[in-house]
Amino acid sequence: MSIVLGNQMVSPSYGGVVKSWNGMKGFGFIASDGFGGDVMFSKKDLAEDLREVQGKFLQGKAVAFDAVEGVDGRMKATAVQLVMVE
C-alpha cells in the first residue's frame, strides 16, 4: 500500500485501526495484526493536520504507520497517517 504524503508516495510498513485516542494526554493505541498487542503512538507521531484532534474522531479510523522499538522494548508507531477507505 502506498499513500501520498505531500507530493511524495510513501509505503508505510504496517496498517491497523486506532483503538483509542486521548487528545488531552496526547497519545493513543493502534490495534494491528502485525504485533502481539496494541501499538502506542503519540501526538508527535501524527500527521501535522491531525495533532490537535480531540475527542473520539480518530477511534475506529484505519491508519498506516511505521514502527520502532522503544527504550522499554515495546513497539511504538511512528509516521501515523489516516488511510482513506472506499
Protein backbone atom coordinates (compact mmCIF):
# COMPACT_ATOMS: atom_id res chain seq x y z
CA MET A 1 0.00 0.00 0.00
CA SER A 2 1.27 3.45 -0.86
CA ILE A 3 -0.09 6.79 0.29
CA VAL A 4 0.62 10.32 -0.86
CA LEU A 5 2.38 12.47 1.73
CA GLY A 6 2.88 15.99 0.43
CA ASN A 7 3.97 15.34 -3.14
CA GLN A 8 5.74 12.04 -2.39
CA MET A 9 4.48 8.47 -2.45
CA VAL A 10 5.45 6.61 0.70
CA SER A 11 4.93 3.00 1.73
CA PRO A 12 4.26 2.62 5.44
CA SER A 13 5.24 -0.74 6.88
CA TYR A 14 2.06 -1.55 8.82
CA GLY A 15 -1.67 -0.98 8.89
CA GLY A 16 -4.20 -1.03 11.68
CA VAL A 17 -7.15 0.68 13.34
CA VAL A 18 -6.99 3.31 16.07
CA LYS A 19 -8.30 1.53 19.16
CA SER A 20 -8.20 4.56 21.45
CA TRP A 21 -7.05 8.18 21.40
CA ASN A 22 -6.71 10.62 24.30
CA GLY A 23 -6.26 14.07 22.79
CA MET A 24 -5.91 15.69 26.22
CA LYS A 25 -2.92 13.46 27.10
CA GLY A 26 -1.63 13.27 23.53
CA PHE A 27 -1.40 9.52 22.98
CA GLY A 28 -3.38 6.55 21.76
CA PHE A 29 -3.19 2.91 20.70
CA ILE A 30 -3.45 1.14 17.35
CA ALA A 31 -4.74 -2.43 17.00
CA SER A 32 -2.64 -4.16 14.34
CA ASP A 33 -2.34 -7.81 13.33
CA GLY A 34 1.40 -7.26 12.76
CA PHE A 35 2.11 -7.19 16.50
CA GLY A 36 1.29 -9.29 19.57
CA GLY A 37 -0.67 -6.42 21.12
CA ASP A 38 -1.60 -2.81 20.70
CA VAL A 39 0.96 -0.29 19.45
CA MET A 40 1.21 3.07 21.20
CA PHE A 41 1.54 6.34 19.30
CA SER A 42 1.85 9.91 20.46
CA LYS A 43 0.66 13.25 19.15
CA LYS A 44 4.06 13.99 17.57
CA ASP A 45 3.76 10.78 15.51
CA LEU A 46 0.58 12.00 13.79
CA ALA A 47 0.46 13.96 10.56
CA GLU A 48 0.62 17.67 11.42
CA ASP A 49 -3.01 18.35 10.50
CA LEU A 50 -4.21 15.69 12.99
CA ARG A 51 -2.15 16.71 16.02
CA GLU A 52 -4.86 18.86 17.60
CA VAL A 53 -7.71 16.35 17.17
CA GLN A 54 -9.79 15.98 20.33
CA GLY A 55 -12.50 13.54 21.33
CA LYS A 56 -13.14 10.24 19.61
CA PHE A 57 -12.57 11.36 16.00
CA LEU A 58 -9.57 9.04 15.49
CA GLN A 59 -11.09 5.98 17.17
CA GLY A 60 -12.01 3.29 14.64
CA LYS A 61 -10.13 5.00 11.79
CA ALA A 62 -7.84 2.95 9.56
CA VAL A 63 -4.21 4.07 9.68
CA ALA A 64 -0.87 3.25 8.09
CA PHE A 65 2.32 3.61 10.12
CA ASP A 66 5.92 2.66 10.63
CA ALA A 67 7.14 1.24 13.94
CA VAL A 68 10.27 1.34 16.06
CA GLU A 69 11.24 -0.43 19.25
CA GLY A 70 11.04 1.90 22.25
CA VAL A 71 13.53 2.06 25.11
CA ASP A 72 11.22 -0.22 27.11
CA GLY A 73 11.34 -2.91 24.40
CA ARG A 74 7.76 -2.35 23.21
CA MET A 75 6.95 -1.29 19.67
CA LYS A 76 5.88 2.32 19.09
CA ALA A 77 4.10 3.62 15.98
CA THR A 78 5.68 6.47 14.01
CA ALA A 79 4.59 8.43 10.93
CA VAL A 80 0.90 7.64 11.56
CA GLN A 81 -1.32 8.55 8.58
CA LEU A 82 -5.08 8.16 8.11
CA VAL A 83 -5.98 5.77 5.29
CA MET A 84 -8.93 6.67 3.12
CA VAL A 85 -11.11 3.56 2.83
CA GLU A 86 -13.61 3.48 -0.04
